[in-house]
N, C-alpha and C. Protein backbone atom coordinates (compact mmCIF):
# COMPACT_ATOMS: atom_id res chain seq x y z
N MET A 1 -4.81 -23.64 5.19
CA MET A 1 -3.45 -23.07 4.32
C MET A 1 -3.53 -23.74 2.93
N HIS A 2 -2.63 -22.75 2.17
CA HIS A 2 -2.62 -23.03 0.65
C HIS A 2 -1.31 -23.44 0.48
N LYS A 3 -1.08 -24.65 -0.37
CA LYS A 3 0.40 -25.01 -0.70
C LYS A 3 0.37 -24.61 -2.17
N THR A 4 1.88 -23.93 -2.46
CA THR A 4 1.77 -23.33 -3.78
C THR A 4 3.59 -23.74 -4.21
N ALA A 5 3.88 -23.78 -5.43
CA ALA A 5 5.29 -23.66 -5.91
C ALA A 5 5.47 -22.18 -6.00
N LEU A 6 6.70 -21.75 -5.58
CA LEU A 6 7.21 -20.05 -5.90
C LEU A 6 8.75 -20.52 -6.18
N ARG A 7 9.09 -19.43 -7.03
CA ARG A 7 10.49 -19.22 -7.39
C ARG A 7 10.89 -18.12 -6.50
N ILE A 8 11.61 -18.45 -5.94
CA ILE A 8 12.49 -17.46 -4.65
C ILE A 8 13.80 -17.40 -5.13
N ASP A 9 14.16 -16.23 -5.12
CA ASP A 9 15.79 -15.66 -4.83
C ASP A 9 16.29 -16.40 -3.82
N GLU A 10 17.27 -17.19 -3.87
CA GLU A 10 18.03 -18.10 -2.71
C GLU A 10 18.58 -17.01 -1.69
N ASP A 11 19.49 -16.15 -2.42
CA ASP A 11 20.20 -15.16 -1.60
C ASP A 11 19.34 -14.35 -1.01
N LEU A 12 18.15 -13.69 -1.42
CA LEU A 12 17.39 -12.67 -0.72
C LEU A 12 16.57 -13.69 0.33
N LEU A 13 16.34 -14.89 0.10
CA LEU A 13 15.57 -15.75 1.22
C LEU A 13 16.60 -15.89 2.29
N ALA A 14 18.15 -16.45 1.98
CA ALA A 14 18.96 -16.34 3.07
C ALA A 14 19.16 -15.10 3.93
N GLN A 15 19.14 -13.84 3.29
CA GLN A 15 19.20 -12.52 3.78
C GLN A 15 18.04 -12.58 4.72
N ALA A 16 17.03 -12.62 4.24
CA ALA A 16 15.60 -12.47 5.22
C ALA A 16 15.65 -13.37 6.37
N ARG A 17 16.21 -14.66 6.20
CA ARG A 17 16.24 -15.55 7.13
C ARG A 17 17.06 -15.22 8.27
N ALA A 18 18.28 -14.69 7.87
CA ALA A 18 19.08 -14.18 8.89
C ALA A 18 18.78 -13.03 9.48
N VAL A 19 18.11 -12.36 8.94
CA VAL A 19 17.37 -10.88 9.29
C VAL A 19 16.41 -11.53 10.42
N LEU A 20 15.36 -12.18 10.13
CA LEU A 20 14.36 -12.53 10.87
C LEU A 20 14.30 -13.65 11.68
N GLY A 21 15.77 -14.40 11.75
CA GLY A 21 16.27 -15.47 12.77
C GLY A 21 15.37 -16.80 12.57
N THR A 22 14.75 -16.87 11.33
CA THR A 22 13.93 -18.12 10.89
C THR A 22 14.72 -19.27 10.29
N LYS A 23 14.25 -20.41 10.41
CA LYS A 23 15.01 -21.50 10.21
C LYS A 23 14.67 -22.09 8.62
N THR A 24 13.60 -22.06 8.49
CA THR A 24 12.86 -22.67 7.12
C THR A 24 12.35 -21.62 6.35
N ALA A 25 12.17 -21.92 4.84
CA ALA A 25 11.62 -21.06 3.74
C ALA A 25 10.16 -20.48 4.11
N THR A 26 9.65 -21.58 4.55
CA THR A 26 8.23 -21.36 5.06
C THR A 26 8.16 -20.38 6.29
N GLU A 27 8.83 -20.71 7.29
CA GLU A 27 8.83 -19.80 8.37
C GLU A 27 9.17 -18.35 8.06
N THR A 28 10.19 -18.40 7.11
CA THR A 28 10.59 -16.90 6.74
C THR A 28 9.50 -16.25 5.98
N ILE A 29 8.97 -17.06 5.26
CA ILE A 29 7.82 -16.07 4.21
C ILE A 29 6.77 -15.91 5.30
N HIS A 30 6.06 -16.86 6.23
CA HIS A 30 5.11 -16.38 6.90
C HIS A 30 5.57 -15.15 8.00
N THR A 31 6.88 -15.04 8.35
CA THR A 31 7.24 -14.20 9.28
C THR A 31 7.23 -12.78 8.40
N ALA A 32 7.86 -12.91 7.28
CA ALA A 32 7.85 -11.80 6.59
C ALA A 32 6.51 -11.20 5.91
N LEU A 33 5.52 -11.93 5.70
CA LEU A 33 4.40 -11.44 5.59
C LEU A 33 3.70 -10.81 6.55
N ALA A 34 3.86 -11.44 7.94
CA ALA A 34 3.30 -11.02 9.24
C ALA A 34 3.88 -9.26 9.34
N GLU A 35 5.09 -9.39 9.34
CA GLU A 35 5.83 -8.15 9.45
C GLU A 35 5.41 -7.06 8.46
N VAL A 36 5.03 -7.63 7.53
CA VAL A 36 4.45 -6.54 6.17
C VAL A 36 2.97 -6.00 6.97
N VAL A 37 2.23 -6.88 7.25
CA VAL A 37 0.96 -6.56 7.65
C VAL A 37 1.02 -5.96 9.09
N ASP A 38 1.78 -6.15 9.91
CA ASP A 38 2.12 -5.28 11.06
C ASP A 38 2.61 -4.01 10.78
N ARG A 39 3.45 -3.76 9.90
CA ARG A 39 4.14 -2.64 9.54
C ARG A 39 2.92 -1.74 8.96
N GLN A 40 2.15 -2.17 8.23
CA GLN A 40 0.94 -1.37 7.67
C GLN A 40 0.11 -0.83 8.84
N GLY A 41 -0.14 -1.79 9.89
CA GLY A 41 -0.89 -1.34 10.88
C GLY A 41 -0.20 -0.11 11.96
N ARG A 42 1.20 -0.10 12.12
CA ARG A 42 1.78 0.73 12.96
C ARG A 42 1.66 1.98 12.07
N ALA A 43 1.61 2.10 10.55
CA ALA A 43 1.87 3.33 9.87
C ALA A 43 0.38 4.12 9.77
N ARG A 44 -0.76 3.20 9.88
CA ARG A 44 -2.06 3.89 10.33
C ARG A 44 -2.02 4.34 11.62
N LEU A 45 -1.69 3.70 12.60
CA LEU A 45 -1.61 3.94 13.73
C LEU A 45 -0.97 5.47 13.98
N PHE A 46 0.14 5.15 13.39
CA PHE A 46 1.30 6.50 13.27
C PHE A 46 0.56 7.87 12.83
N GLU A 47 -0.17 7.53 11.70
CA GLU A 47 -0.81 8.58 11.03
C GLU A 47 -2.13 9.16 11.94
N ARG A 48 -2.64 8.42 12.65
CA ARG A 48 -3.73 8.66 13.37
C ARG A 48 -3.08 9.49 14.55
N LEU A 49 -2.02 9.20 15.15
CA LEU A 49 -1.40 9.90 16.16
C LEU A 49 -1.00 11.15 15.62
N ARG A 50 -0.45 11.35 14.34
CA ARG A 50 0.28 12.61 13.81
C ARG A 50 -1.00 13.66 13.62
N SER A 51 -2.09 13.04 13.10
CA SER A 51 -3.34 13.81 12.83
C SER A 51 -4.04 14.10 14.09
N LEU A 52 -4.19 13.37 14.95
CA LEU A 52 -5.10 13.21 16.28
C LEU A 52 -6.48 12.77 15.81
N GLU A 53 -6.56 12.06 14.72
CA GLU A 53 -7.85 11.64 14.10
C GLU A 53 -8.27 10.75 15.17
N GLY A 54 -9.48 10.86 15.77
CA GLY A 54 -10.06 9.92 16.50
C GLY A 54 -9.68 9.87 18.04
N ILE A 55 -8.59 10.80 18.34
CA ILE A 55 -7.80 10.59 19.37
C ILE A 55 -8.21 11.98 20.22
N ASP A 56 -8.55 11.71 21.63
CA ASP A 56 -8.75 12.93 22.35
C ASP A 56 -7.74 13.99 22.98
N LEU A 57 -6.62 13.40 22.46
CA LEU A 57 -5.40 14.15 23.21
C LEU A 57 -5.53 15.76 22.62
N ALA A 58 -6.04 16.07 21.71
CA ALA A 58 -6.47 17.53 21.33
C ALA A 58 -7.46 18.20 21.86
N ASP A 59 -8.32 17.51 22.74
CA ASP A 59 -9.41 17.92 23.19
C ASP A 59 -8.99 18.46 24.95
N TYR A 60 -8.89 19.70 24.96
CA TYR A 60 -8.39 20.26 26.31
C TYR A 60 -9.32 19.95 27.59
N ALA A 61 -10.62 19.48 27.55
CA ALA A 61 -11.27 18.97 28.82
C ALA A 61 -11.27 17.79 28.65
N VAL A 62 -10.92 16.78 28.32
CA VAL A 62 -10.59 15.61 28.26
C VAL A 62 -9.24 15.27 28.89
N MET A 63 -8.36 16.26 28.37
CA MET A 63 -6.92 15.83 28.84
C MET A 63 -6.92 16.61 30.25
N ARG A 64 -7.36 17.68 30.48
CA ARG A 64 -7.37 18.31 31.80
C ARG A 64 -7.79 17.33 32.78
N GLU A 65 -8.86 16.64 32.66
CA GLU A 65 -9.51 15.38 33.52
C GLU A 65 -8.39 14.16 33.47
N ALA A 66 -7.58 13.73 32.57
CA ALA A 66 -6.61 12.68 32.42
C ALA A 66 -5.61 12.91 33.60
N TRP A 67 -5.24 14.14 34.17
CA TRP A 67 -4.11 14.33 34.94
C TRP A 67 -4.85 14.49 36.35
N ARG A 68 -5.96 14.07 36.72
CA ARG A 68 -6.63 13.91 37.92
C ARG A 68 -6.57 12.64 38.63
């Protein structure tokens, strides 16, 4: 873990704390960073589903067998 000094907008931190349900600044920042990373992962998954990239849902033979 890395310790650093940051200048943080106190009002924004309080708003984020309320939204995330966190108690400390450190917990709020860690949770917010995790949310950003998770959001990117969901966006990539959504794009794969939208384009059917690497997914067999567009393959009739595969899907025909899926219902048996």
